[in-house]
């Protein structure tokens, strides 16, 4: 719900980024060129119930995680930063006269 001053697309984007299961998620350079749309109706299970998804979008994101590599002789843990490609998928439920 818009608070009257912040555009809804900004609020939605903030909600998605705040609730990502990753410690850090970024948009890759030129991400817009790799977005995929699908207009085929499919069933997705959400909270153990089937949902009719009429349109979906797949957005490439770059995930950053910190992985423990080893513990040195003084007991200090050493971490390494790893980045990899993943996908944020959003499904639009309903529509199409239903």
PDB file of N, CA and C in Angstrom:
ATOM      1  N   UNK A   1       0.845  -1.177   0.000  1.00  0.00           N
ATOM      2  CA  UNK A   1       0.000   0.000   0.000  1.00  0.00           C
ATOM      3  C   UNK A   1       0.888   1.236   0.000  1.00  0.00           C
ATOM      4  N   UNK A   2       0.596   2.166  -0.874  1.00  0.00           N
ATOM      5  CA  UNK A   2       1.386   3.379  -0.991  1.00  0.00           C
ATOM      6  C   UNK A   2       1.151   4.282   0.210  1.00  0.00           C
ATOM      7  N   UNK A   3       2.191   4.960   0.643  1.00  0.00           N
ATOM      8  CA  UNK A   3       2.045   5.872   1.773  1.00  0.00           C
ATOM      9  C   UNK A   3       1.740   7.292   1.309  1.00  0.00           C
ATOM     10  N   UNK A   4       1.508   7.463   0.014  1.00  0.00           N
ATOM     11  CA  UNK A   4       1.150   8.764  -0.515  1.00  0.00           C
ATOM     12  C   UNK A   4       2.320   9.545  -1.074  1.00  0.00           C
ATOM     13  N   UNK A   5       3.536   9.265  -0.615  1.00  0.00           N
ATOM     14  CA  UNK A   5       4.692  10.002  -1.121  1.00  0.00           C
ATOM     15  C   UNK A   5       5.665   9.111  -1.879  1.00  0.00           C
ATOM     16  N   UNK A   6       5.761   7.878  -1.493  1.00  0.00           N
ATOM     17  CA  UNK A   6       6.672   6.951  -2.159  1.00  0.00           C
ATOM     18  C   UNK A   6       5.906   6.207  -3.246  1.00  0.00           C
ATOM     19  N   UNK A   7       6.432   6.217  -4.488  1.00  0.00           N
ATOM     20  CA  UNK A   7       5.743   5.507  -5.570  1.00  0.00           C
ATOM     21  C   UNK A   7       5.627   4.018  -5.260  1.00  0.00           C
ATOM     22  N   UNK A   8       4.504   3.378  -5.647  1.00  0.00           N
ATOM     23  CA  UNK A   8       4.297   1.970  -5.328  1.00  0.00           C
ATOM     24  C   UNK A   8       5.383   1.058  -5.885  1.00  0.00           C
ATOM     25  N   UNK A   9       5.948   1.374  -7.056  1.00  0.00           N
ATOM     26  CA  UNK A   9       7.002   0.517  -7.608  1.00  0.00           C
ATOM     27  C   UNK A   9       8.247   0.543  -6.734  1.00  0.00           C
ATOM     28  N   UNK A  10       8.502   1.667  -6.081  1.00  0.00           N
ATOM     29  CA  UNK A  10       9.645   1.757  -5.169  1.00  0.00           C
ATOM     30  C   UNK A  10       9.368   0.950  -3.898  1.00  0.00           C
ATOM     31  N   UNK A  11       8.155   1.026  -3.391  1.00  0.00           N
ATOM     32  CA  UNK A  11       7.779   0.253  -2.200  1.00  0.00           C
ATOM     33  C   UNK A  11       7.843  -1.244  -2.484  1.00  0.00           C
ATOM     34  N   UNK A  12       7.341  -1.660  -3.648  1.00  0.00           N
ATOM     35  CA  UNK A  12       7.368  -3.076  -4.014  1.00  0.00           C
ATOM     36  C   UNK A  12       8.806  -3.566  -4.169  1.00  0.00           C
ATOM     37  N   UNK A  13       9.640  -2.795  -4.823  1.00  0.00           N
ATOM     38  CA  UNK A  13      11.045  -3.163  -4.973  1.00  0.00           C
ATOM     39  C   UNK A  13      11.735  -3.302  -3.626  1.00  0.00           C
ATOM     40  N   UNK A  14      11.464  -2.381  -2.726  1.00  0.00           N
ATOM     41  CA  UNK A  14      12.063  -2.436  -1.388  1.00  0.00           C
ATOM     42  C   UNK A  14      11.590  -3.678  -0.642  1.00  0.00           C
ATOM     43  N   UNK A  15      10.301  -4.010  -0.760  1.00  0.00           N
ATOM     44  CA  UNK A  15       9.765  -5.200  -0.102  1.00  0.00           C
ATOM     45  C   UNK A  15      10.454  -6.469  -0.604  1.00  0.00           C
ATOM     46  N   UNK A  16      10.622  -6.567  -1.915  1.00  0.00           N
ATOM     47  CA  UNK A  16      11.282  -7.741  -2.502  1.00  0.00           C
ATOM     48  C   UNK A  16      12.719  -7.849  -2.011  1.00  0.00           C
ATOM     49  N   UNK A  17      13.461  -6.752  -2.041  1.00  0.00           N
ATOM     50  CA  UNK A  17      14.860  -6.798  -1.627  1.00  0.00           C
ATOM     51  C   UNK A  17      15.019  -7.029  -0.130  1.00  0.00           C
ATOM     52  N   UNK A  18      14.097  -6.535   0.690  1.00  0.00           N
ATOM     53  CA  UNK A  18      14.181  -6.739   2.142  1.00  0.00           C
ATOM     54  C   UNK A  18      13.888  -8.182   2.524  1.00  0.00           C
ATOM     55  N   UNK A  19      13.146  -8.896   1.695  1.00  0.00           N
ATOM     56  CA  UNK A  19      12.726 -10.249   2.040  1.00  0.00           C
ATOM     57  C   UNK A  19      13.422 -11.327   1.226  1.00  0.00           C
ATOM     58  N   UNK A  20      14.494 -10.977   0.541  1.00  0.00           N
ATOM     59  CA  UNK A  20      15.246 -11.983  -0.195  1.00  0.00           C
ATOM     60  C   UNK A  20      15.880 -12.970   0.785  1.00  0.00           C
ATOM     61  N   UNK A  21      15.962 -14.239   0.419  1.00  0.00           N
ATOM     62  CA  UNK A  21      16.605 -15.206   1.311  1.00  0.00           C
ATOM     63  C   UNK A  21      18.133 -15.110   1.273  1.00  0.00           C
ATOM     64  N   UNK A  22      18.651 -14.225   0.459  1.00  0.00           N
ATOM     65  CA  UNK A  22      20.101 -14.088   0.311  1.00  0.00           C
ATOM     66  C   UNK A  22      20.609 -12.932   1.165  1.00  0.00           C
ATOM     67  N   UNK A  23      21.884 -12.992   1.525  1.00  0.00           N
ATOM     68  CA  UNK A  23      22.450 -11.904   2.309  1.00  0.00           C
ATOM     69  C   UNK A  23      22.613 -10.645   1.467  1.00  0.00           C
ATOM     70  N   UNK A  24      22.847 -10.835   0.170  1.00  0.00           N
ATOM     71  CA  UNK A  24      22.981  -9.684  -0.721  1.00  0.00           C
ATOM     72  C   UNK A  24      22.547 -10.090  -2.117  1.00  0.00           C
ATOM     73  N   UNK A  25      21.682  -9.286  -2.716  1.00  0.00           N
ATOM     74  CA  UNK A  25      21.191  -9.545  -4.065  1.00  0.00           C
ATOM     75  C   UNK A  25      21.276  -8.235  -4.845  1.00  0.00           C
ATOM     76  N   UNK A  26      21.881  -8.288  -6.030  1.00  0.00           N
ATOM     77  CA  UNK A  26      22.019  -7.107  -6.882  1.00  0.00           C
ATOM     78  C   UNK A  26      21.512  -7.427  -8.277  1.00  0.00           C
ATOM     79  N   UNK A  27      21.166  -6.386  -9.001  1.00  0.00           N
ATOM     80  CA  UNK A  27      20.849  -6.556 -10.415  1.00  0.00           C
ATOM     81  C   UNK A  27      22.153  -6.549 -11.189  1.00  0.00           C
ATOM     82  N   UNK A  28      22.267  -7.468 -12.120  1.00  0.00           N
ATOM     83  CA  UNK A  28      23.469  -7.553 -12.937  1.00  0.00           C
ATOM     84  C   UNK A  28      23.495  -6.424 -13.953  1.00  0.00           C
ATOM     85  N   UNK A  29      24.658  -6.060 -14.469  1.00  0.00           N
ATOM     86  CA  UNK A  29      24.707  -5.067 -15.541  1.00  0.00           C
ATOM     87  C   UNK A  29      23.865  -5.548 -16.729  1.00  0.00           C
ATOM     88  N   UNK A  30      23.139  -4.643 -17.348  1.00  0.00           N
ATOM     89  CA  UNK A  30      22.272  -4.937 -18.499  1.00  0.00           C
ATOM     90  C   UNK A  30      21.229  -6.008 -18.197  1.00  0.00           C
ATOM     91  N   UNK A  31      20.779  -6.103 -16.963  1.00  0.00           N
ATOM     92  CA  UNK A  31      19.823  -7.130 -16.553  1.00  0.00           C
ATOM     93  C   UNK A  31      18.550  -7.102 -17.384  1.00  0.00           C
ATOM     94  N   UNK A  32      18.143  -5.907 -17.846  1.00  0.00           N
ATOM     95  CA  UNK A  32      16.899  -5.775 -18.607  1.00  0.00           C
ATOM     96  C   UNK A  32      16.903  -6.631 -19.867  1.00  0.00           C
ATOM     97  N   UNK A  33      18.091  -6.858 -20.447  1.00  0.00           N
ATOM     98  CA  UNK A  33      18.204  -7.629 -21.693  1.00  0.00           C
ATOM     99  C   UNK A  33      17.993  -9.130 -21.469  1.00  0.00           C
ATOM    100  N   UNK A  34      18.052  -9.579 -20.226  1.00  0.00           N
ATOM    101  CA  UNK A  34      17.963 -11.010 -19.924  1.00  0.00           C
ATOM    102  C   UNK A  34      16.663 -11.403 -19.226  1.00  0.00           C
ATOM    103  N   UNK A  35      15.774 -10.424 -19.023  1.00  0.00           N
ATOM    104  CA  UNK A  35      14.480 -10.714 -18.403  1.00  0.00           C
ATOM    105  C   UNK A  35      13.670 -11.591 -19.345  1.00  0.00           C
ATOM    106  N   UNK A  36      13.015 -12.600 -18.788  1.00  0.00           N
ATOM    107  CA  UNK A  36      12.188 -13.506 -19.578  1.00  0.00           C
ATOM    108  C   UNK A  36      10.742 -13.420 -19.099  1.00  0.00           C
ATOM    109  N   UNK A  37       9.815 -13.382 -20.054  1.00  0.00           N
ATOM    110  CA  UNK A  37       8.384 -13.368 -19.761  1.00  0.00           C
ATOM    111  C   UNK A  37       7.765 -14.653 -20.267  1.00  0.00           C
ATOM    112  N   UNK A  38       6.729 -15.122 -19.564  1.00  0.00           N
ATOM    113  CA  UNK A  38       5.999 -16.299 -20.017  1.00  0.00           C
ATOM    114  C   UNK A  38       4.513 -16.046 -19.796  1.00  0.00           C
ATOM    115  N   UNK A  39       3.720 -16.191 -20.839  1.00  0.00           N
ATOM    116  CA  UNK A  39       2.292 -15.963 -20.751  1.00  0.00           C
ATOM    117  C   UNK A  39       1.478 -17.229 -20.690  1.00  0.00           C
ATOM    118  N   UNK A  40       2.128 -18.366 -20.560  1.00  0.00           N
ATOM    119  CA  UNK A  40       1.404 -19.633 -20.454  1.00  0.00           C
ATOM    120  C   UNK A  40       0.859 -19.796 -19.043  1.00  0.00           C
ATOM    121  N   UNK A  41      -0.383 -20.245 -18.944  1.00  0.00           N
ATOM    122  CA  UNK A  41      -0.989 -20.491 -17.636  1.00  0.00           C
ATOM    123  C   UNK A  41      -0.426 -21.782 -17.058  1.00  0.00           C
ATOM    124  N   UNK A  42       0.044 -21.692 -15.819  1.00  0.00           N
ATOM    125  CA  UNK A  42       0.594 -22.855 -15.121  1.00  0.00           C
ATOM    126  C   UNK A  42       0.051 -22.871 -13.698  1.00  0.00           C
ATOM    127  N   UNK A  43       0.199 -23.996 -13.037  1.00  0.00           N
ATOM    128  CA  UNK A  43      -0.160 -24.085 -11.624  1.00  0.00           C
ATOM    129  C   UNK A  43       1.108 -24.095 -10.793  1.00  0.00           C
ATOM    130  N   UNK A  44       1.176 -23.189  -9.832  1.00  0.00           N
ATOM    131  CA  UNK A  44       2.259 -23.159  -8.863  1.00  0.00           C
ATOM    132  C   UNK A  44       1.656 -23.482  -7.510  1.00  0.00           C
ATOM    133  N   UNK A  45       2.357 -24.238  -6.708  1.00  0.00           N
ATOM    134  CA  UNK A  45       1.907 -24.461  -5.340  1.00  0.00           C
ATOM    135  C   UNK A  45       2.484 -23.361  -4.468  1.00  0.00           C
ATOM    136  N   UNK A  46       1.617 -22.725  -3.712  1.00  0.00           N
ATOM    137  CA  UNK A  46       2.019 -21.669  -2.780  1.00  0.00           C
ATOM    138  C   UNK A  46       1.272 -21.915  -1.486  1.00  0.00           C
ATOM    139  N   UNK A  47       2.011 -22.085  -0.405  1.00  0.00           N
ATOM    140  CA  UNK A  47       1.430 -22.438   0.897  1.00  0.00           C
ATOM    141  C   UNK A  47       0.551 -23.676   0.775  1.00  0.00           C
ATOM    142  N   UNK A  48       1.061 -24.639   0.046  1.00  0.00           N
ATOM    143  CA  UNK A  48       0.455 -25.958  -0.135  1.00  0.00           C
ATOM    144  C   UNK A  48      -0.866 -25.934  -0.909  1.00  0.00           C
ATOM    145  N   UNK A  49      -1.161 -24.836  -1.561  1.00  0.00           N
ATOM    146  CA  UNK A  49      -2.366 -24.751  -2.384  1.00  0.00           C
ATOM    147  C   UNK A  49      -1.975 -24.425  -3.821  1.00  0.00           C
ATOM    148  N   UNK A  50      -2.656 -25.037  -4.804  1.00  0.00           N
ATOM    149  CA  UNK A  50      -2.353 -24.714  -6.193  1.00  0.00           C
ATOM    150  C   UNK A  50      -2.847 -23.313  -6.543  1.00  0.00           C
ATOM    151  N   UNK A  51      -2.033 -22.569  -7.254  1.00  0.00           N
ATOM    152  CA  UNK A  51      -2.376 -21.213  -7.691  1.00  0.00           C
ATOM    153  C   UNK A  51      -2.236 -21.160  -9.208  1.00  0.00           C
ATOM    154  N   UNK A  52      -3.222 -20.588  -9.875  1.00  0.00           N
ATOM    155  CA  UNK A  52      -3.170 -20.450 -11.329  1.00  0.00           C
ATOM    156  C   UNK A  52      -2.397 -19.175 -11.659  1.00  0.00           C
ATOM    157  N   UNK A  53      -1.237 -19.376 -12.256  1.00  0.00           N
ATOM    158  CA  UNK A  53      -0.372 -18.258 -12.631  1.00  0.00           C
ATOM    159  C   UNK A  53      -0.580 -17.987 -14.118  1.00  0.00           C
ATOM    160  N   UNK A  54      -1.026 -16.791 -14.430  1.00  0.00           N
ATOM    161  CA  UNK A  54      -1.352 -16.428 -15.817  1.00  0.00           C
ATOM    162  C   UNK A  54      -0.168 -15.842 -16.579  1.00  0.00           C
ATOM    163  N   UNK A  55       0.735 -15.222 -15.853  1.00  0.00           N
ATOM    164  CA  UNK A  55       1.906 -14.610 -16.487  1.00  0.00           C
ATOM    165  C   UNK A  55       3.034 -14.623 -15.461  1.00  0.00           C
ATOM    166  N   UNK A  56       4.240 -14.854 -15.918  1.00  0.00           N
ATOM    167  CA  UNK A  56       5.374 -14.849 -14.992  1.00  0.00           C
ATOM    168  C   UNK A  56       6.547 -14.112 -15.625  1.00  0.00           C
ATOM    169  N   UNK A  57       7.417 -13.672 -14.761  1.00  0.00           N
ATOM    170  CA  UNK A  57       8.611 -12.947 -15.190  1.00  0.00           C
ATOM    171  C   UNK A  57       9.801 -13.541 -14.436  1.00  0.00           C
ATOM    172  N   UNK A  58      10.899 -13.699 -15.143  1.00  0.00           N
ATOM    173  CA  UNK A  58      12.130 -14.273 -14.584  1.00  0.00           C
ATOM    174  C   UNK A  58      13.221 -13.221 -14.743  1.00  0.00           C
ATOM    175  N   UNK A  59      13.788 -12.781 -13.615  1.00  0.00           N
ATOM    176  CA  UNK A  59      14.745 -11.674 -13.605  1.00  0.00           C
ATOM    177  C   UNK A  59      16.092 -12.174 -13.093  1.00  0.00           C
ATOM    178  N   UNK A  60      17.179 -11.941 -13.862  1.00  0.00           N
ATOM    179  CA  UNK A  60      18.488 -12.385 -13.383  1.00  0.00           C
ATOM    180  C   UNK A  60      18.991 -11.483 -12.253  1.00  0.00           C
ATOM    181  N   UNK A  61      19.513 -12.107 -11.214  1.00  0.00           N
ATOM    182  CA  UNK A  61      20.087 -11.370 -10.093  1.00  0.00           C
ATOM    183  C   UNK A  61      21.448 -11.964  -9.750  1.00  0.00           C
ATOM    184  N   UNK A  62      22.294 -11.137  -9.208  1.00  0.00           N
ATOM    185  CA  UNK A  62      23.615 -11.592  -8.768  1.00  0.00           C
ATOM    186  C   UNK A  62      23.580 -11.720  -7.254  1.00  0.00           C
ATOM    187  N   UNK A  63      23.894 -12.905  -6.773  1.00  0.00           N
ATOM    188  CA  UNK A  63      23.849 -13.207  -5.349  1.00  0.00           C
ATOM    189  C   UNK A  63      25.268 -13.195  -4.791  1.00  0.00           C
ATOM    190  N   UNK A  64      25.425 -12.563  -3.640  1.00  0.00           N
ATOM    191  CA  UNK A  64      26.710 -12.551  -2.944  1.00  0.00           C
ATOM    192  C   UNK A  64      26.548 -13.294  -1.629  1.00  0.00           C
ATOM    193  N   UNK A  65      27.389 -14.283  -1.411  1.00  0.00           N
ATOM    194  CA  UNK A  65      27.379 -15.011  -0.142  1.00  0.00           C
ATOM    195  C   UNK A  65      28.804 -15.066   0.402  1.00  0.00           C
ATOM    196  N   UNK A  66      28.899 -15.213   1.701  1.00  0.00           N
ATOM    197  CA  UNK A  66      30.187 -15.382   2.366  1.00  0.00           C
ATOM    198  C   UNK A  66      30.259 -16.826   2.844  1.00  0.00           C
ATOM    199  N   UNK A  67      31.285 -17.528   2.395  1.00  0.00           N
ATOM    200  CA  UNK A  67      31.454 -18.934   2.732  1.00  0.00           C
ATOM    201  C   UNK A  67      32.688 -19.104   3.612  1.00  0.00           C
ATOM    202  N   UNK A  68      32.534 -19.881   4.687  1.00  0.00           N
ATOM    203  CA  UNK A  68      33.673 -20.163   5.547  1.00  0.00           C
ATOM    204  C   UNK A  68      34.629 -21.084   4.798  1.00  0.00           C
ATOM    205  N   UNK A  69      35.871 -20.659   4.662  1.00  0.00           N
ATOM    206  CA  UNK A  69      36.861 -21.458   3.939  1.00  0.00           C
ATOM    207  C   UNK A  69      37.643 -22.351   4.893  1.00  0.00           C
ATOM    208  N   UNK A  70      38.106 -21.773   5.972  1.00  0.00           N
ATOM    209  CA  UNK A  70      38.890 -22.550   6.927  1.00  0.00           C
ATOM    210  C   UNK A  70      39.043 -21.757   8.219  1.00  0.00           C
ATOM    211  N   UNK A  71      39.516 -22.420   9.237  1.00  0.00           N
ATOM    212  CA  UNK A  71      39.865 -21.770  10.495  1.00  0.00           C
ATOM    213  C   UNK A  71      41.379 -21.827  10.620  1.00  0.00           C
ATOM    214  N   UNK A  72      41.984 -20.657  10.856  1.00  0.00           N
ATOM    215  CA  UNK A  72      43.452 -20.639  10.921  1.00  0.00           C
ATOM    216  C   UNK A  72      43.935 -21.163  12.277  1.00  0.00           C
ATOM    217  N   UNK A  73      45.250 -21.191  12.460  1.00  0.00           N
ATOM    218  CA  UNK A  73      45.842 -21.790  13.660  1.00  0.00           C
ATOM    219  C   UNK A  73      45.483 -21.037  14.943  1.00  0.00           C
ATOM    220  N   UNK A  74      45.055 -19.794  14.828  1.00  0.00           N
ATOM    221  CA  UNK A  74      44.665 -19.025  16.021  1.00  0.00           C
ATOM    222  C   UNK A  74      43.169 -19.136  16.315  1.00  0.00           C
ATOM    223  N   UNK A  75      42.461 -19.908  15.514  1.00  0.00           N
ATOM    224  CA  UNK A  75      41.030 -20.099  15.731  1.00  0.00           C
ATOM    225  C   UNK A  75      40.141 -19.111  14.998  1.00  0.00           C
ATOM    226  N   UNK A  76      40.757 -18.211  14.232  1.00  0.00           N
ATOM    227  CA  UNK A  76      39.976 -17.237  13.460  1.00  0.00           C
ATOM    228  C   UNK A  76      39.434 -17.889  12.199  1.00  0.00           C
ATOM    229  N   UNK A  77      38.157 -17.707  11.965  1.00  0.00           N
ATOM    230  CA  UNK A  77      37.542 -18.246  10.757  1.00  0.00           C
ATOM    231  C   UNK A  77      37.832 -17.317   9.587  1.00  0.00           C
ATOM    232  N   UNK A  78      38.150 -17.918   8.469  1.00  0.00           N
ATOM    233  CA  UNK A  78      38.424 -17.157   7.251  1.00  0.00           C
ATOM    234  C   UNK A  78      37.272 -17.380   6.272  1.00  0.00           C
ATOM    235  N   UNK A  79      36.758 -16.291   5.718  1.00  0.00           N
ATOM    236  CA  UNK A  79      35.630 -16.358   4.797  1.00  0.00           C
ATOM    237  C   UNK A  79      36.044 -15.833   3.433  1.00  0.00           C
ATOM    238  N   UNK A  80      35.363 -16.315   2.429  1.00  0.00           N
ATOM    239  CA  UNK A  80      35.599 -15.831   1.082  1.00  0.00           C
ATOM    240  C   UNK A  80      34.249 -15.410   0.497  1.00  0.00           C
ATOM    241  N   UNK A  81      34.269 -14.317  -0.246  1.00  0.00           N
ATOM    242  CA  UNK A  81      33.061 -13.814  -0.883  1.00  0.00           C
ATOM    243  C   UNK A  81      32.874 -14.516  -2.225  1.00  0.00           C
ATOM    244  N   UNK A  82      31.664 -15.035  -2.447  1.00  0.00           N
ATOM    245  CA  UNK A  82      31.360 -15.699  -3.701  1.00  0.00           C
ATOM    246  C   UNK A  82      30.143 -15.046  -4.332  1.00  0.00           C
ATOM    247  N   UNK A  83      30.179 -14.884  -5.646  1.00  0.00           N
ATOM    248  CA  UNK A  83      29.053 -14.315  -6.385  1.00  0.00           C
ATOM    249  C   UNK A  83      28.605 -15.323  -7.424  1.00  0.00           C
ATOM    250  N   UNK A  84      27.296 -15.423  -7.601  1.00  0.00           N
ATOM    251  CA  UNK A  84      26.782 -16.309  -8.634  1.00  0.00           C
ATOM    252  C   UNK A  84      25.450 -15.782  -9.156  1.00  0.00           C
ATOM    253  N   UNK A  85      25.051 -16.281 -10.302  1.00  0.00           N
ATOM    254  CA  UNK A  85      23.809 -15.891 -10.940  1.00  0.00           C
ATOM    255  C   UNK A  85      22.662 -16.744 -10.415  1.00  0.00           C
ATOM    256  N   UNK A  86      21.552 -16.098 -10.115  1.00  0.00           N
ATOM    257  CA  UNK A  86      20.334 -16.794  -9.751  1.00  0.00           C
ATOM    258  C   UNK A  86      19.185 -16.041 -10.410  1.00  0.00           C
ATOM    259  N   UNK A  87      17.967 -16.477 -10.157  1.00  0.00           N
ATOM    260  CA  UNK A  87      16.810 -15.878 -10.806  1.00  0.00           C
ATOM    261  C   UNK A  87      15.738 -15.545  -9.790  1.00  0.00           C
ATOM    262  N   UNK A  88      15.181 -14.364  -9.902  1.00  0.00           N
ATOM    263  CA  UNK A  88      14.012 -13.960  -9.147  1.00  0.00           C
ATOM    264  C   UNK A  88      12.815 -14.194 -10.073  1.00  0.00           C
ATOM    265  N   UNK A  89      11.863 -15.005  -9.627  1.00  0.00           N
ATOM    266  CA  UNK A  89      10.697 -15.336 -10.445  1.00  0.00           C
ATOM    267  C   UNK A  89       9.458 -14.777  -9.765  1.00  0.00           C
ATOM    268  N   UNK A  90       8.675 -14.027 -10.526  1.00  0.00           N
ATOM    269  CA  UNK A  90       7.439 -13.436 -10.022  1.00  0.00           C
ATOM    270  C   UNK A  90       6.295 -13.946 -10.873  1.00  0.00           C
ATOM    271  N   UNK A  91       5.248 -14.445 -10.229  1.00  0.00           N
ATOM    272  CA  UNK A  91       4.085 -14.945 -10.942  1.00  0.00           C
ATOM    273  C   UNK A  91       2.879 -14.064 -10.677  1.00  0.00           C
ATOM    274  N   UNK A  92       2.113 -13.806 -11.734  1.00  0.00           N
ATOM    275  CA  UNK A  92       0.890 -13.012 -11.626  1.00  0.00           C
ATOM    276  C   UNK A  92      -0.295 -13.962 -11.592  1.00  0.00           C
ATOM    277  N   UNK A  93      -0.979 -13.966 -10.464  1.00  0.00           N
ATOM    278  CA  UNK A  93      -2.085 -14.907 -10.259  1.00  0.00           C
ATOM    279  C   UNK A  93      -3.390 -14.292 -10.772  1.00  0.00           C
ATOM    280  N   UNK A  94      -4.262 -15.143 -11.290  1.00  0.00           N
ATOM    281  CA  UNK A  94      -5.578 -14.679 -11.717  1.00  0.00           C
ATOM    282  C   UNK A  94      -5.540 -13.978 -13.058  1.00  0.00           C
ATOM    283  N   UNK A  95      -6.444 -13.056 -13.258  1.00  0.00           N
ATOM    284  CA  UNK A  95      -6.528 -12.364 -14.536  1.00  0.00           C
ATOM    285  C   UNK A  95      -7.128 -13.253 -15.588  1.00  0.00           C
ATOM    286  N   UNK A  96      -7.195 -12.814 -16.780  1.00  0.00           N
ATOM    287  CA  UNK A  96      -7.699 -13.618 -17.883  1.00  0.00           C
ATOM    288  C   UNK A  96      -9.153 -14.011 -17.723  1.00  0.00           C
ATOM    289  N   UNK A  97      -9.945 -13.170 -17.032  1.00  0.00           N
ATOM    290  CA  UNK A  97     -11.363 -13.448 -16.876  1.00  0.00           C
ATOM    291  C   UNK A  97     -11.711 -14.343 -15.712  1.00  0.00           C
ATOM    292  N   UNK A  98     -10.704 -14.687 -14.869  1.00  0.00           N
ATOM    293  CA  UNK A  98     -10.993 -15.559 -13.723  1.00  0.00           C
ATOM    294  C   UNK A  98     -10.647 -14.849 -12.433  1.00  0.00           C
TER     295      UNK A  98
END
